[in-house]
PDB file of N, CA and C in Angstrom:
ATOM      1  N   UNK A   1     146.680 -96.375  -0.313  1.00  0.00           N
ATOM      2  CA  UNK A   1     147.498 -96.114   0.082  1.00  0.00           C
ATOM      3  C   UNK A   1     148.165 -97.840   1.085  1.00  0.00           C
ATOM      4  N   UNK A   2     147.312 -98.147   1.329  1.00  0.00           N
ATOM      5  CA  UNK A   2     147.446 -99.452   2.435  1.00  0.00           C
ATOM      6  C   UNK A   2     147.814-100.042   1.027  1.00  0.00           C
ATOM      7  N   UNK A   3     146.875-100.622   0.366  1.00  0.00           N
ATOM      8  CA  UNK A   3     147.532-102.027  -0.325  1.00  0.00           C
ATOM      9  C   UNK A   3     148.887-101.376  -0.747  1.00  0.00           C
ATOM     10  N   UNK A   4     149.126-100.265  -1.162  1.00  0.00           N
ATOM     11  CA  UNK A   4     150.382-100.308  -2.104  1.00  0.00           C
ATOM     12  C   UNK A   4     151.637-100.692  -0.652  1.00  0.00           C
ATOM     13  N   UNK A   5     151.358 -99.746   0.045  1.00  0.00           N
ATOM     14  CA  UNK A   5     151.606 -99.846   1.708  1.00  0.00           C
ATOM     15  C   UNK A   5     152.818-101.719   1.617  1.00  0.00           C
ATOM     16  N   UNK A   6     150.792-102.312   1.841  1.00  0.00           N
ATOM     17  CA  UNK A   6     150.576-103.701   2.195  1.00  0.00           C
ATOM     18  C   UNK A   6     152.079-104.205   0.998  1.00  0.00           C
ATOM     19  N   UNK A   7     151.687-104.114  -0.456  1.00  0.00           N
ATOM     20  CA  UNK A   7     152.671-104.832  -1.123  1.00  0.00           C
ATOM     21  C   UNK A   7     153.805-104.890  -1.285  1.00  0.00           C
ATOM     22  N   UNK A   8     154.591-103.570  -1.106  1.00  0.00           N
ATOM     23  CA  UNK A   8     155.867-103.097  -0.849  1.00  0.00           C
ATOM     24  C   UNK A   8     156.092-103.740   0.840  1.00  0.00           C
ATOM     25  N   UNK A   9     155.560-103.841   1.409  1.00  0.00           N
ATOM     26  CA  UNK A   9     156.100-104.249   2.968  1.00  0.00           C
ATOM     27  C   UNK A   9     156.361-105.567   2.526  1.00  0.00           C
ATOM     28  N   UNK A  10     155.734-106.298   2.136  1.00  0.00           N
ATOM     29  CA  UNK A  10     155.308-108.067   2.184  1.00  0.00           C
ATOM     30  C   UNK A  10     157.055-108.441   1.044  1.00  0.00           C
ATOM     31  N   UNK A  11     156.713-107.405   0.282  1.00  0.00           N
ATOM     32  CA  UNK A  11     157.813-108.097  -0.868  1.00  0.00           C
ATOM     33  C   UNK A  11     159.220-107.391  -0.244  1.00  0.00           C
ATOM     34  N   UNK A  12     159.380-106.762   0.640  1.00  0.00           N
ATOM     35  CA  UNK A  12     160.754-105.901   0.807  1.00  0.00           C
ATOM     36  C   UNK A  12     161.201-107.168   2.264  1.00  0.00           C
ATOM     37  N   UNK A  13     160.239-107.445   2.788  1.00  0.00           N
ATOM     38  CA  UNK A  13     160.364-108.504   3.774  1.00  0.00           C
ATOM     39  C   UNK A  13     160.743-110.125   3.402  1.00  0.00           C
ATOM     40  N   UNK A  14     160.076-110.327   2.398  1.00  0.00           N
ATOM     41  CA  UNK A  14     160.452-111.615   1.850  1.00  0.00           C
ATOM     42  C   UNK A  14     161.871-111.622   1.349  1.00  0.00           C
ATOM     43  N   UNK A  15     162.331-110.544   0.449  1.00  0.00           N
ATOM     44  CA  UNK A  15     163.510-110.148  -0.487  1.00  0.00           C
ATOM     45  C   UNK A  15     164.325-110.254   0.739  1.00  0.00           C
ATOM     46  N   UNK A  16     164.162-109.809   2.160  1.00  0.00           N
ATOM     47  CA  UNK A  16     165.453-110.151   3.228  1.00  0.00           C
ATOM     48  C   UNK A  16     165.086-111.475   3.995  1.00  0.00           C
ATOM     49  N   UNK A  17     164.521-112.234   3.601  1.00  0.00           N
ATOM     50  CA  UNK A  17     164.110-114.003   4.514  1.00  0.00           C
ATOM     51  C   UNK A  17     163.423-113.013   5.718  1.00  0.00           C
ATOM     52  N   UNK A  18     162.579-112.374   5.652  1.00  0.00           N
ATOM     53  CA  UNK A  18     162.153-112.184   6.636  1.00  0.00           C
ATOM     54  C   UNK A  18     160.614-112.595   6.903  1.00  0.00           C
ATOM     55  N   UNK A  19     159.164-112.669   8.074  1.00  0.00           N
ATOM     56  CA  UNK A  19     158.049-112.683   7.595  1.00  0.00           C
ATOM     57  C   UNK A  19     157.361-111.319   7.859  1.00  0.00           C
ATOM     58  N   UNK A  20     156.566-110.885   7.256  1.00  0.00           N
ATOM     59  CA  UNK A  20     155.670-109.688   7.061  1.00  0.00           C
ATOM     60  C   UNK A  20     154.410-110.481   8.458  1.00  0.00           C
ATOM     61  N   UNK A  21     154.499-109.519   9.174  1.00  0.00           N
ATOM     62  CA  UNK A  21     153.416-109.712  10.127  1.00  0.00           C
ATOM     63  C   UNK A  21     152.343-108.721   9.820  1.00  0.00           C
ATOM     64  N   UNK A  22     151.377-108.620   8.794  1.00  0.00           N
ATOM     65  CA  UNK A  22     150.217-107.444   9.073  1.00  0.00           C
ATOM     66  C   UNK A  22     149.845-106.891  10.468  1.00  0.00           C
ATOM     67  N   UNK A  23     149.156-108.054  10.694  1.00  0.00           N
ATOM     68  CA  UNK A  23     148.331-107.557  12.271  1.00  0.00           C
ATOM     69  C   UNK A  23     149.314-107.070  13.079  1.00  0.00           C
ATOM     70  N   UNK A  24     150.647-106.645  12.965  1.00  0.00           N
ATOM     71  CA  UNK A  24     151.152-106.298  14.413  1.00  0.00           C
ATOM     72  C   UNK A  24     152.155-104.869  13.716  1.00  0.00           C
ATOM     73  N   UNK A  25     150.520-103.795  12.582  1.00  0.00           N
ATOM     74  CA  UNK A  25     151.382-103.070  12.142  1.00  0.00           C
ATOM     75  C   UNK A  25     149.590-102.083  12.386  1.00  0.00           C
ATOM     76  N   UNK A  26     149.438-101.034  12.369  1.00  0.00           N
ATOM     77  CA  UNK A  26     148.475-100.023  12.168  1.00  0.00           C
ATOM     78  C   UNK A  26     148.962 -99.487  10.761  1.00  0.00           C
ATOM     79  N   UNK A  27     147.818-100.126   9.737  1.00  0.00           N
ATOM     80  CA  UNK A  27     148.119-100.348   8.306  1.00  0.00           C
ATOM     81  C   UNK A  27     147.110 -99.789   7.587  1.00  0.00           C
ATOM     82  N   UNK A  28     146.049 -99.199   8.310  1.00  0.00           N
ATOM     83  CA  UNK A  28     144.642 -98.533   8.219  1.00  0.00           C
ATOM     84  C   UNK A  28     145.147 -97.047   6.924  1.00  0.00           C
ATOM     85  N   UNK A  29     144.585 -96.960   5.802  1.00  0.00           N
ATOM     86  CA  UNK A  29     145.351 -95.553   5.065  1.00  0.00           C
ATOM     87  C   UNK A  29     145.361 -94.375   6.478  1.00  0.00           C
ATOM     88  N   UNK A  30     144.362 -94.223   7.372  1.00  0.00           N
ATOM     89  CA  UNK A  30     144.471 -93.430   7.928  1.00  0.00           C
ATOM     90  C   UNK A  30     146.101 -92.852   9.165  1.00  0.00           C
ATOM     91  N   UNK A  31     146.163 -94.710   9.319  1.00  0.00           N
ATOM     92  CA  UNK A  31     147.117 -94.806  10.256  1.00  0.00           C
ATOM     93  C   UNK A  31     148.773 -94.831   9.481  1.00  0.00           C
ATOM     94  N   UNK A  32     148.627 -94.751   8.173  1.00  0.00           N
ATOM     95  CA  UNK A  32     149.968 -94.679   7.664  1.00  0.00           C
ATOM     96  C   UNK A  32     150.111 -93.544   7.724  1.00  0.00           C
ATOM     97  N   UNK A  33     151.822 -93.010   7.494  1.00  0.00           N
ATOM     98  CA  UNK A  33     152.419 -91.776   7.684  1.00  0.00           C
ATOM     99  C   UNK A  33     153.433 -91.519   6.422  1.00  0.00           C
ATOM    100  N   UNK A  34     153.346 -90.553   6.239  1.00  0.00           N
ATOM    101  CA  UNK A  34     154.130 -90.270   4.671  1.00  0.00           C
ATOM    102  C   UNK A  34     155.177 -89.337   5.335  1.00  0.00           C
ATOM    103  N   UNK A  35     156.276 -89.256   5.001  1.00  0.00           N
ATOM    104  CA  UNK A  35     157.268 -89.031   6.198  1.00  0.00           C
ATOM    105  C   UNK A  35     159.066 -88.842   4.772  1.00  0.00           C
ATOM    106  N   UNK A  36     159.271 -87.967   4.712  1.00  0.00           N
ATOM    107  CA  UNK A  36     160.727 -87.729   3.427  1.00  0.00           C
ATOM    108  C   UNK A  36     160.634 -88.620   2.532  1.00  0.00           C
ATOM    109  N   UNK A  37     159.175 -88.908   1.606  1.00  0.00           N
ATOM    110  CA  UNK A  37     158.820 -89.863   0.739  1.00  0.00           C
ATOM    111  C   UNK A  37     159.230 -91.331   1.249  1.00  0.00           C
ATOM    112  N   UNK A  38     158.747 -91.554   2.093  1.00  0.00           N
ATOM    113  CA  UNK A  38     158.569 -92.572   2.823  1.00  0.00           C
ATOM    114  C   UNK A  38     156.755 -92.881   3.795  1.00  0.00           C
ATOM    115  N   UNK A  39     156.500 -94.258   3.250  1.00  0.00           N
ATOM    116  CA  UNK A  39     155.332 -94.818   3.712  1.00  0.00           C
ATOM    117  C   UNK A  39     155.615 -95.356   5.214  1.00  0.00           C
ATOM    118  N   UNK A  40     155.631 -95.233   6.617  1.00  0.00           N
ATOM    119  CA  UNK A  40     155.630 -95.678   7.751  1.00  0.00           C
ATOM    120  C   UNK A  40     154.360 -96.167   8.412  1.00  0.00           C
ATOM    121  N   UNK A  41     154.727 -97.228   8.694  1.00  0.00           N
ATOM    122  CA  UNK A  41     153.538 -97.245   9.731  1.00  0.00           C
ATOM    123  C   UNK A  41     153.935 -98.389  10.648  1.00  0.00           C
ATOM    124  N   UNK A  42     153.492 -97.712  11.812  1.00  0.00           N
ATOM    125  CA  UNK A  42     153.788 -98.166  13.365  1.00  0.00           C
ATOM    126  C   UNK A  42     153.348 -99.325  14.108  1.00  0.00           C
ATOM    127  N   UNK A  43     154.024 -99.718  14.579  1.00  0.00           N
ATOM    128  CA  UNK A  43     154.049-101.105  15.638  1.00  0.00           C
ATOM    129  C   UNK A  43     153.157-101.342  16.025  1.00  0.00           C
ATOM    130  N   UNK A  44     152.369-101.897  16.744  1.00  0.00           N
ATOM    131  CA  UNK A  44     150.796-102.202  17.744  1.00  0.00           C
ATOM    132  C   UNK A  44     151.548-103.017  18.876  1.00  0.00           C
ATOM    133  N   UNK A  45     152.516-103.023  18.499  1.00  0.00           N
ATOM    134  CA  UNK A  45     153.259-104.227  20.265  1.00  0.00           C
ATOM    135  C   UNK A  45     154.427-103.394  20.446  1.00  0.00           C
ATOM    136  N   UNK A  46     153.866-101.906  20.643  1.00  0.00           N
ATOM    137  CA  UNK A  46     154.933-100.974  21.403  1.00  0.00           C
ATOM    138  C   UNK A  46     154.311-100.765  23.238  1.00  0.00           C
ATOM    139  N   UNK A  47     155.597-100.629  23.582  1.00  0.00           N
ATOM    140  CA  UNK A  47     155.335-100.205  25.201  1.00  0.00           C
ATOM    141  C   UNK A  47     156.121 -99.194  25.870  1.00  0.00           C
ATOM    142  N   UNK A  48     156.092 -98.854  27.279  1.00  0.00           N
ATOM    143  CA  UNK A  48     156.226 -97.554  27.690  1.00  0.00           C
ATOM    144  C   UNK A  48     158.287 -97.759  27.077  1.00  0.00           C
ATOM    145  N   UNK A  49     158.979 -98.153  26.682  1.00  0.00           N
ATOM    146  CA  UNK A  49     160.321 -98.102  26.347  1.00  0.00           C
ATOM    147  C   UNK A  49     159.988 -97.270  24.583  1.00  0.00           C
ATOM    148  N   UNK A  50     159.117 -97.506  24.247  1.00  0.00           N
ATOM    149  CA  UNK A  50     159.061 -96.773  22.875  1.00  0.00           C
ATOM    150  C   UNK A  50     158.779 -95.768  22.613  1.00  0.00           C
ATOM    151  N   UNK A  51     157.829 -95.068  24.054  1.00  0.00           N
ATOM    152  CA  UNK A  51     157.562 -93.535  24.154  1.00  0.00           C
ATOM    153  C   UNK A  51     158.278 -92.423  23.499  1.00  0.00           C
ATOM    154  N   UNK A  52     159.363 -92.402  23.962  1.00  0.00           N
ATOM    155  CA  UNK A  52     160.394 -91.131  23.662  1.00  0.00           C
ATOM    156  C   UNK A  52     160.642 -91.935  21.660  1.00  0.00           C
ATOM    157  N   UNK A  53     160.371 -92.653  21.445  1.00  0.00           N
ATOM    158  CA  UNK A  53     160.459 -92.866  19.171  1.00  0.00           C
ATOM    159  C   UNK A  53     158.648 -92.093  18.930  1.00  0.00           C
ATOM    160  N   UNK A  54     157.757 -92.593  19.316  1.00  0.00           N
ATOM    161  CA  UNK A  54     156.427 -92.045  19.524  1.00  0.00           C
ATOM    162  C   UNK A  54     156.550 -90.507  18.975  1.00  0.00           C
ATOM    163  N   UNK A  55     157.590 -90.123  20.565  1.00  0.00           N
ATOM    164  CA  UNK A  55     157.338 -88.474  20.520  1.00  0.00           C
ATOM    165  C   UNK A  55     158.109 -87.831  19.342  1.00  0.00           C
ATOM    166  N   UNK A  56     159.267 -88.651  18.942  1.00  0.00           N
ATOM    167  CA  UNK A  56     159.777 -88.271  18.288  1.00  0.00           C
ATOM    168  C   UNK A  56     158.732 -87.793  16.813  1.00  0.00           C
ATOM    169  N   UNK A  57     158.118 -88.851  16.652  1.00  0.00           N
ATOM    170  CA  UNK A  57     157.778 -89.226  15.428  1.00  0.00           C
ATOM    171  C   UNK A  57     156.135 -88.155  15.513  1.00  0.00           C
ATOM    172  N   UNK A  58     155.694 -87.732  16.574  1.00  0.00           N
ATOM    173  CA  UNK A  58     154.935 -86.642  16.808  1.00  0.00           C
ATOM    174  C   UNK A  58     154.958 -85.586  16.260  1.00  0.00           C
ATOM    175  N   UNK A  59     156.743 -85.202  16.615  1.00  0.00           N
ATOM    176  CA  UNK A  59     157.009 -83.703  16.700  1.00  0.00           C
ATOM    177  C   UNK A  59     157.165 -83.893  14.685  1.00  0.00           C
ATOM    178  N   UNK A  60     157.607 -84.990  14.762  1.00  0.00           N
ATOM    179  CA  UNK A  60     158.319 -84.847  12.873  1.00  0.00           C
ATOM    180  C   UNK A  60     157.145 -84.579  12.342  1.00  0.00           C
ATOM    181  N   UNK A  61     155.985 -85.309  12.758  1.00  0.00           N
ATOM    182  CA  UNK A  61     154.908 -84.843  11.485  1.00  0.00           C
ATOM    183  C   UNK A  61     153.829 -85.067  12.609  1.00  0.00           C
ATOM    184  N   UNK A  62     153.804 -84.095  13.223  1.00  0.00           N
ATOM    185  CA  UNK A  62     152.311 -82.982  13.949  1.00  0.00           C
ATOM    186  C   UNK A  62     151.018 -83.749  12.995  1.00  0.00           C
ATOM    187  N   UNK A  63     150.994 -83.344  11.955  1.00  0.00           N
ATOM    188  CA  UNK A  63     149.255 -83.395  11.203  1.00  0.00           C
ATOM    189  C   UNK A  63     149.647 -84.965  11.393  1.00  0.00           C
ATOM    190  N   UNK A  64     149.803 -86.201  11.333  1.00  0.00           N
ATOM    191  CA  UNK A  64     150.203 -87.490  11.719  1.00  0.00           C
ATOM    192  C   UNK A  64     148.253 -87.565  12.591  1.00  0.00           C
ATOM    193  N   UNK A  65     148.858 -87.201  13.557  1.00  0.00           N
ATOM    194  CA  UNK A  65     147.503 -87.150  14.319  1.00  0.00           C
ATOM    195  C   UNK A  65     147.813 -88.552  15.282  1.00  0.00           C
ATOM    196  N   UNK A  66     148.537 -88.349  15.658  1.00  0.00           N
ATOM    197  CA  UNK A  66     149.438 -89.276  17.011  1.00  0.00           C
ATOM    198  C   UNK A  66     149.382 -88.961  18.478  1.00  0.00           C
ATOM    199  N   UNK A  67     147.919 -90.035  19.040  1.00  0.00           N
ATOM    200  CA  UNK A  67     148.783 -89.611  20.477  1.00  0.00           C
ATOM    201  C   UNK A  67     148.600 -90.964  21.298  1.00  0.00           C
ATOM    202  N   UNK A  68     148.688 -90.434  22.249  1.00  0.00           N
ATOM    203  CA  UNK A  68     148.720 -91.936  22.914  1.00  0.00           C
ATOM    204  C   UNK A  68     148.209 -90.840  24.827  1.00  0.00           C
ATOM    205  N   UNK A  69     148.025 -92.119  25.196  1.00  0.00           N
ATOM    206  CA  UNK A  69     147.424 -92.039  27.152  1.00  0.00           C
ATOM    207  C   UNK A  69     148.084 -92.785  27.963  1.00  0.00           C
ATOM    208  N   UNK A  70     148.306 -92.403  29.226  1.00  0.00           N
ATOM    209  CA  UNK A  70     148.172 -93.679  29.965  1.00  0.00           C
ATOM    210  C   UNK A  70     147.132 -93.857  30.586  1.00  0.00           C
ATOM    211  N   UNK A  71     147.022 -95.246  30.614  1.00  0.00           N
ATOM    212  CA  UNK A  71     145.628 -95.962  30.819  1.00  0.00           C
ATOM    213  C   UNK A  71     145.507 -96.931  32.489  1.00  0.00           C
ATOM    214  N   UNK A  72     144.795 -96.547  33.759  1.00  0.00           N
ATOM    215  CA  UNK A  72     145.656 -96.653  34.882  1.00  0.00           C
ATOM    216  C   UNK A  72     145.548 -98.700  34.453  1.00  0.00           C
ATOM    217  N   UNK A  73     146.995 -99.202  35.685  1.00  0.00           N
ATOM    218  CA  UNK A  73     146.623-100.572  35.136  1.00  0.00           C
ATOM    219  C   UNK A  73     145.096-101.112  35.810  1.00  0.00           C
ATOM    220  N   UNK A  74     144.274-100.484  36.478  1.00  0.00           N
ATOM    221  CA  UNK A  74     142.543-101.282  36.753  1.00  0.00           C
ATOM    222  C   UNK A  74     142.001-101.512  35.781  1.00  0.00           C
ATOM    223  N   UNK A  75     141.830-100.520  34.574  1.00  0.00           N
ATOM    224  CA  UNK A  75     141.531-100.529  33.275  1.00  0.00           C
ATOM    225  C   UNK A  75     141.020-101.391  32.245  1.00  0.00           C
TER     226      UNK A  75
END
């Protein structure tokens, strides 16, 4: 699944003139999410403002095993 996703994402980005940066995504097979006939990868460059969207994904795809926790700044 991950290899298929990588190929499709690279083609899609190239067609739109954008650069595909796989290191910015969770793209291992266990991290990809299938929803409504599409495969999604979550960007690993997110922060506090992204949490509402992450919460929506968690609600929409509970079997995706997505979770997060706040970590103290000193950690």
